[in-house]
Amino acid sequence: MTARQASTPVPGGAAEARPVVSVIVAACNASRTIGATISSVLSQTRQDFEIVVIDDGSTDDTGSLVARWTADPRVRLHRQENAGPAAARNAGIALARGDYLSMLDSDDLWLPNYLERMVGALQESSMAGFAYTDAWALEEKSGKIRRATAMSRQHPPERTLPGAAFLDALVQRNFIFNSVTVRREVLERVGGYDPEIPQAEDYELWLRSCAAGYTGLRVPGPLAIYRVHDGSLSQDELGLLTGLCDAYRAVIDRHPAPESVKAMADKRLHTVERRLEALQGKSTPALIYLRTRHILAASTRKWRSRRRLLATPPPEVAKAFPELGDGKR
C-alpha cells in the first residue's frame, strides 16, 4: 500500500485518507501572521497534506483564529502550555500522520509550489533524508523584499553531497533554512528537536541526522518567504550564539560523527564562544576588538540592507502574494 492509498479508521467504520505530508506549525502569540501562514499552505499546488498547528501557550487570540480554520478537516489545532519552539514542534511531530513532515514557522509563508517541489524531490532521491530550500526575506518595517535571500550569505552547496561530505560542510556553517521537509523515518530514528537547546535547535537536529548517515537535498528556490522582524539585534544574536554553542557541544559529546567533524565542531565552538564573550562585554583586548568589529559589521549590514531592497517583488511573490513586497503590506 502506498502512502497516498493509506487510510486510518474513523468512528463508524469509515476510512479517511491518510495525508502524505504533515505540515507542522508551532505558534506562540502569532495572531498577526498565522492566518496568512495557514492560507499559504492551503494554496499549495499539492493538496495531499494535513496542517498540525501547536498553540504553544499563546496569550493572544492565536488559538481562536486557528480554530476558525479547522472547519477544513485538513487543519488540526492542539493547545498546550508554553514549552518553547522545540517542544512545540515535537508535539506536532507526535500528532502527525504523514510520511513526510514539513516544518513551517508561524510567521513565514510558502510559495504555492513548495510542497510539490520538496516532496517530489525526496520521492526521486532515495539517498536524501530531508530536503531544504531558500527563502525570500521580507522586511517587516519597510514591507519590501531584500535582494539577498535568507541563506545566500551561507553559500549552500550547489549539489547534493553524500552524507559524510554534507556533514563536513554543515558543521562549518548552517546553510539550511528552517522550513525543511523530512522523511518520517529519519525523525523516528534520530529523534526530534532537543528542547534543551533554546535556539539553533533546528541546526542541531540536522547535524544529528547527518551524523546518523543521512544527507540533505537542496531544492532550488527560493520556495518560501521569511519575515525579518525589528528587534534587538544584540539580544537575538546572544540567543543564537548560545544555541550554536549547544549545537556544537552536542556534536562533540553526543553525535556519532567522525573525529574530523568533531574537531571542526570544537574549532567552531571556540570561535563562537569568543564572539559570545565579546557580545556580553567581557573586556580582554582581543574581545574588545571582536566586539568593535561585530558592531561595525552589524551597522554595515543594516546600511547595506536599506540599499539592497527590491523596488518591486519577484514575479512569483507578486503573483502568489500581491499584498506583499511592495512596501504597502
Foldseek 3Di string as FASTA:
>chain_A
DDLQADWDADPPRDTDRAAQEEEEEEDAQLVPAQVQAVVLACLAPDHRYAYEYEHQQHPDCPPVVQVVVVVPVRYHYHYDYHQADQVSRQVSLVVHRHQKYWYDYSRKHFQRHVCVQFVVVCVVDVQAFKEAEWAWEAEPVQLATFPDTPQVVLPDDPFWDWLQVQLLSLLLDPRGDQGMMGGSVLCVVQNTFDSVQRPCSSSLSVNQSSLVGHTYGYGYDDGMYHYDYDDDPLVVLLSHLSSLLVSLVCCQPPHNHDPVSNVSSVVVNVVSVLLNCLSVPDDDPVSVVSVVVVVVVVVVVVVVRVVGTDCADDPSCCVRPVCGRNSRD
